[in-house]
C-alpha cells in the first residue's frame, strides 16, 4: 500500500470534518474508500499527529461550527 502524503491526509480530514461522505471524499481525493476509512479511524483514535498543524483550516472549522450552532 502506498503511503499517503501528510497533505493528502489533511485533505481527507478537512473534507470529513466539513461533512462530506466517504464516497464524496473518494471522488475528490481519488483514494480508495478503505483509505478514507483508515484515515478517519486514525483521526478518531487520536493517531493523527499531522492534524495538529491545521492552522490554515482553523477558520473553516470555526465557520462550520458556527453554522451548525445556527442550524440547531
Protein backbone atom coordinates (compact mmCIF):
# COMPACT_ATOMS: atom_id res chain seq x y z
CA UNK A 1 0.00 0.00 0.00
CA UNK A 2 1.33 3.42 -0.94
CA UNK A 3 1.91 5.83 1.94
CA UNK A 4 -0.26 8.88 1.81
CA UNK A 5 1.39 12.24 1.98
CA UNK A 6 0.50 14.36 5.00
CA UNK A 7 -1.13 16.89 2.69
CA UNK A 8 -3.47 14.21 1.26
CA UNK A 9 -4.34 13.01 4.78
CA UNK A 10 -5.13 16.55 5.85
CA UNK A 11 -7.33 16.96 2.79
CA UNK A 12 -9.25 13.81 3.76
CA UNK A 13 -9.62 15.10 7.33
CA UNK A 14 -10.77 18.53 6.14
CA UNK A 15 -13.35 17.03 3.81
CA UNK A 16 -14.57 14.67 6.51
CA UNK A 17 -14.87 17.48 9.05
CA UNK A 18 -16.77 19.56 6.51
CA UNK A 19 -19.43 16.86 6.37
CA UNK A 20 -18.60 15.14 3.10
CA UNK A 21 -19.47 11.43 2.88
CA UNK A 22 -16.80 8.79 2.38
CA UNK A 23 -17.93 8.44 -1.25
CA UNK A 24 -17.66 12.20 -1.70
CA UNK A 25 -14.16 12.18 -0.26
CA UNK A 26 -13.18 9.32 -2.57
CA UNK A 27 -14.44 11.29 -5.58
CA UNK A 28 -12.49 14.41 -4.63
CA UNK A 29 -9.21 12.79 -3.50
CA UNK A 30 -9.05 9.74 -5.78
CA UNK A 31 -8.11 7.38 -2.95
CA UNK A 32 -9.95 4.19 -2.02
CA UNK A 33 -12.87 4.12 0.40
CA UNK A 34 -10.79 1.88 2.66
CA UNK A 35 -8.06 4.52 2.77
CA UNK A 36 -10.60 7.18 3.72
CA UNK A 37 -11.96 4.90 6.45
CA UNK A 38 -8.43 4.27 7.76
CA UNK A 39 -7.56 7.98 7.89
CA UNK A 40 -10.85 8.84 9.62
CA UNK A 41 -10.35 5.92 12.01
CA UNK A 42 -6.86 7.16 12.85
CA UNK A 43 -8.23 10.65 13.38
CA UNK A 44 -10.92 9.38 15.75
CA UNK A 45 -8.38 7.24 17.62
CA UNK A 46 -6.03 10.20 18.11
CA UNK A 47 -3.34 8.61 15.94
CA UNK A 48 -3.08 11.55 13.56
CA UNK A 49 -0.23 13.84 14.62
CA UNK A 50 -0.37 15.70 11.31
CA UNK A 51 -3.78 17.07 12.32
CA UNK A 52 -2.10 19.20 14.95
CA UNK A 53 -0.92 21.51 12.19
CA UNK A 54 -4.21 22.67 10.70
CA UNK A 55 -3.68 26.37 11.12
CA UNK A 56 -4.91 27.13 7.61
CA UNK A 57 -8.15 25.27 8.30
CA UNK A 58 -8.93 26.79 11.71
CA UNK A 59 -11.23 29.42 10.23
CA UNK A 60 -13.01 26.82 8.10
CA UNK A 61 -13.61 24.67 11.17
CA UNK A 62 -14.76 27.69 13.14
CA UNK A 63 -17.25 28.69 10.44
CA UNK A 64 -18.54 25.14 10.25
CA UNK A 65 -19.06 25.09 13.99
CA UNK A 66 -20.93 28.38 13.88
CA UNK A 67 -23.14 27.19 11.02
CA UNK A 68 -24.03 24.02 12.94
CA UNK A 69 -24.92 26.04 16.01
CA UNK A 70 -27.14 28.33 13.96
CA UNK A 71 -28.97 25.36 12.44
CA UNK A 72 -29.86 23.91 15.84
